[in-house]
Amino acid sequence: MYFAQPSADIPPLEQLLEWSWPEWVTPPLNDGVEVFALPQRLTQALADAGSTELEELAARWTTRLRSDDGDDTTDDDPLAVLQGIARLAASAVSTGGRLYSWSF
């Protein structure tokens, strides 16, 4: 969404429902652990993103975090996080793989 229609604002619900979202590989379990695969479109966009695009995306992401949380800081460096994810995406694309995330 941030690549296709750059904005720090949340799009209308109808538009959000049209997007391709991550697919659960493992739905949330009792302990809260879940694994999902990012959409190929997002993986490709991250793999193809240049430093300027990642910087702009990090700025929009930070603006969104601040507007949602009302906080001026985050514990992480959004640009560094995006750069790391973009490297993983590039590796996934070059090997014909997918990009996965897990959380708990």
C-alpha atoms as a PDB file:
ATOM      1  CA  MET A   1       0.000   0.000   0.000  1.00  0.00           C
ATOM      2  CA  TYR A   2       2.806   2.438   0.905  1.00  0.00           C
ATOM      3  CA  PHE A   3       4.629   1.671  -2.361  1.00  0.00           C
ATOM      4  CA  ALA A   4       1.602   1.729  -4.671  1.00  0.00           C
ATOM      5  CA  GLN A   5      -0.083   4.791  -3.184  1.00  0.00           C
ATOM      6  CA  PRO A   6       2.444   6.707  -1.063  1.00  0.00           C
ATOM      7  CA  SER A   7       0.692   8.341   1.860  1.00  0.00           C
ATOM      8  CA  ALA A   8       0.991   8.478   5.617  1.00  0.00           C
ATOM      9  CA  ASP A   9      -2.802   8.289   5.858  1.00  0.00           C
ATOM     10  CA  ILE A  10      -4.846   5.124   6.135  1.00  0.00           C
ATOM     11  CA  PRO A  11      -6.916   4.534   2.982  1.00  0.00           C
ATOM     12  CA  PRO A  12     -10.678   3.996   3.234  1.00  0.00           C
ATOM     13  CA  LEU A  13     -11.759   0.547   4.451  1.00  0.00           C
ATOM     14  CA  GLU A  14     -13.160  -0.399   1.034  1.00  0.00           C
ATOM     15  CA  GLN A  15      -9.744   0.164  -0.516  1.00  0.00           C
ATOM     16  CA  LEU A  16      -7.977  -1.800   2.213  1.00  0.00           C
ATOM     17  CA  LEU A  17     -10.228  -4.784   1.596  1.00  0.00           C
ATOM     18  CA  GLU A  18      -9.107  -4.881  -2.054  1.00  0.00           C
ATOM     19  CA  TRP A  19      -5.403  -5.314  -1.199  1.00  0.00           C
ATOM     20  CA  SER A  20      -3.560  -8.611  -1.150  1.00  0.00           C
ATOM     21  CA  TRP A  21      -2.518  -9.268   2.438  1.00  0.00           C
ATOM     22  CA  PRO A  22       0.004 -11.687   3.913  1.00  0.00           C
ATOM     23  CA  GLU A  23      -1.043 -15.319   3.876  1.00  0.00           C
ATOM     24  CA  TRP A  24      -0.875 -17.276   7.103  1.00  0.00           C
ATOM     25  CA  VAL A  25       1.439 -20.230   6.873  1.00  0.00           C
ATOM     26  CA  THR A  26       0.653 -21.031  10.497  1.00  0.00           C
ATOM     27  CA  PRO A  27      -2.369 -19.282  11.994  1.00  0.00           C
ATOM     28  CA  PRO A  28      -1.956 -17.866  15.486  1.00  0.00           C
ATOM     29  CA  LEU A  29      -1.476 -20.642  17.986  1.00  0.00           C
ATOM     30  CA  ASN A  30      -2.426 -20.632  21.653  1.00  0.00           C
ATOM     31  CA  ASP A  31       0.936 -19.133  22.594  1.00  0.00           C
ATOM     32  CA  GLY A  32       0.435 -16.332  20.035  1.00  0.00           C
ATOM     33  CA  VAL A  33       3.062 -17.537  17.555  1.00  0.00           C
ATOM     34  CA  GLU A  34       2.143 -17.090  13.902  1.00  0.00           C
ATOM     35  CA  VAL A  35       3.967 -17.326  10.571  1.00  0.00           C
ATOM     36  CA  PHE A  36       2.873 -15.562   7.412  1.00  0.00           C
ATOM     37  CA  ALA A  37       4.176 -15.144   3.865  1.00  0.00           C
ATOM     38  CA  LEU A  38       4.305 -11.637   2.456  1.00  0.00           C
ATOM     39  CA  PRO A  39       2.572 -11.100  -0.893  1.00  0.00           C
ATOM     40  CA  GLN A  40       4.851 -11.523  -3.906  1.00  0.00           C
ATOM     41  CA  ARG A  41       3.978  -7.984  -5.037  1.00  0.00           C
ATOM     42  CA  LEU A  42       5.330  -6.554  -1.768  1.00  0.00           C
ATOM     43  CA  THR A  43       8.395  -8.786  -1.810  1.00  0.00           C
ATOM     44  CA  GLN A  44       9.207  -7.651  -5.349  1.00  0.00           C
ATOM     45  CA  ALA A  45       8.615  -3.973  -4.478  1.00  0.00           C
ATOM     46  CA  LEU A  46      10.971  -4.239  -1.497  1.00  0.00           C
ATOM     47  CA  ALA A  47      13.582  -6.076  -3.565  1.00  0.00           C
ATOM     48  CA  ASP A  48      13.437  -3.400  -6.285  1.00  0.00           C
ATOM     49  CA  ALA A  49      13.352  -0.387  -3.928  1.00  0.00           C
ATOM     50  CA  GLY A  50      16.296   1.976  -4.060  1.00  0.00           C
ATOM     51  CA  SER A  51      17.691   3.872  -1.110  1.00  0.00           C
ATOM     52  CA  THR A  52      15.549   6.957  -1.846  1.00  0.00           C
ATOM     53  CA  GLU A  53      12.358   4.878  -1.984  1.00  0.00           C
ATOM     54  CA  LEU A  54      13.226   3.168   1.291  1.00  0.00           C
ATOM     55  CA  GLU A  55      13.975   6.519   2.940  1.00  0.00           C
ATOM     56  CA  GLU A  56      10.624   7.912   1.751  1.00  0.00           C
ATOM     57  CA  LEU A  57       8.827   4.772   2.886  1.00  0.00           C
ATOM     58  CA  ALA A  58      10.498   4.977   6.312  1.00  0.00           C
ATOM     59  CA  ALA A  59       9.408   8.609   6.625  1.00  0.00           C
ATOM     60  CA  ARG A  60       5.778   7.721   5.785  1.00  0.00           C
ATOM     61  CA  TRP A  61       5.922   4.764   8.168  1.00  0.00           C
ATOM     62  CA  THR A  62       7.285   6.941  10.979  1.00  0.00           C
ATOM     63  CA  THR A  63       4.582   9.562  10.353  1.00  0.00           C
ATOM     64  CA  ARG A  64       1.950   6.840  10.516  1.00  0.00           C
ATOM     65  CA  LEU A  65       3.383   5.404  13.750  1.00  0.00           C
ATOM     66  CA  ARG A  66       3.388   8.830  15.336  1.00  0.00           C
ATOM     67  CA  SER A  67      -0.177   9.605  14.270  1.00  0.00           C
ATOM     68  CA  ASP A  68      -1.444   6.205  15.447  1.00  0.00           C
ATOM     69  CA  ASP A  69       0.536   5.995  18.686  1.00  0.00           C
ATOM     70  CA  GLY A  70       0.952   9.679  19.448  1.00  0.00           C
ATOM     71  CA  ASP A  71       4.606   8.963  20.138  1.00  0.00           C
ATOM     72  CA  ASP A  72       7.548  10.892  18.727  1.00  0.00           C
ATOM     73  CA  THR A  73       9.888   7.929  18.734  1.00  0.00           C
ATOM     74  CA  THR A  74       9.968   4.221  18.137  1.00  0.00           C
ATOM     75  CA  ASP A  75      12.277   1.654  19.683  1.00  0.00           C
ATOM     76  CA  ASP A  76      13.542   0.696  16.241  1.00  0.00           C
ATOM     77  CA  ASP A  77      15.081   2.603  13.367  1.00  0.00           C
ATOM     78  CA  PRO A  78      12.417   2.239  10.620  1.00  0.00           C
ATOM     79  CA  LEU A  79      14.926   2.894   7.820  1.00  0.00           C
ATOM     80  CA  ALA A  80      17.349   0.260   9.134  1.00  0.00           C
ATOM     81  CA  VAL A  81      14.465  -2.211   9.492  1.00  0.00           C
ATOM     82  CA  LEU A  82      13.299  -1.550   5.919  1.00  0.00           C
ATOM     83  CA  GLN A  83      16.830  -1.830   4.543  1.00  0.00           C
ATOM     84  CA  GLY A  84      17.234  -5.212   6.237  1.00  0.00           C
ATOM     85  CA  ILE A  85      13.868  -6.442   4.970  1.00  0.00           C
ATOM     86  CA  ALA A  86      14.679  -5.172   1.463  1.00  0.00           C
ATOM     87  CA  ARG A  87      17.923  -7.198   1.507  1.00  0.00           C
ATOM     88  CA  LEU A  88      15.970 -10.297   2.560  1.00  0.00           C
ATOM     89  CA  ALA A  89      13.386  -9.606  -0.163  1.00  0.00           C
ATOM     90  CA  ALA A  90      16.127  -9.272  -2.792  1.00  0.00           C
ATOM     91  CA  SER A  91      17.571 -12.609  -1.666  1.00  0.00           C
ATOM     92  CA  ALA A  92      14.129 -14.243  -1.806  1.00  0.00           C
ATOM     93  CA  VAL A  93      13.467 -12.900  -5.298  1.00  0.00           C
ATOM     94  CA  SER A  94      16.898 -13.915  -6.625  1.00  0.00           C
ATOM     95  CA  THR A  95      16.457 -17.483  -5.380  1.00  0.00           C
ATOM     96  CA  GLY A  96      12.801 -17.815  -6.371  1.00  0.00           C
ATOM     97  CA  GLY A  97      11.780 -17.994  -2.721  1.00  0.00           C
ATOM     98  CA  ARG A  98       9.278 -16.176  -0.579  1.00  0.00           C
ATOM     99  CA  LEU A  99       9.581 -13.693   2.270  1.00  0.00           C
ATOM    100  CA  TYR A 100       8.167 -14.900   5.584  1.00  0.00           C
ATOM    101  CA  SER A 101       7.594 -13.313   8.955  1.00  0.00           C
ATOM    102  CA  TRP A 102       6.841 -14.806  12.315  1.00  0.00           C
ATOM    103  CA  SER A 103       5.670 -13.148  15.448  1.00  0.00           C
ATOM    104  CA  PHE A 104       4.555 -13.989  18.936  1.00  0.00           C
END
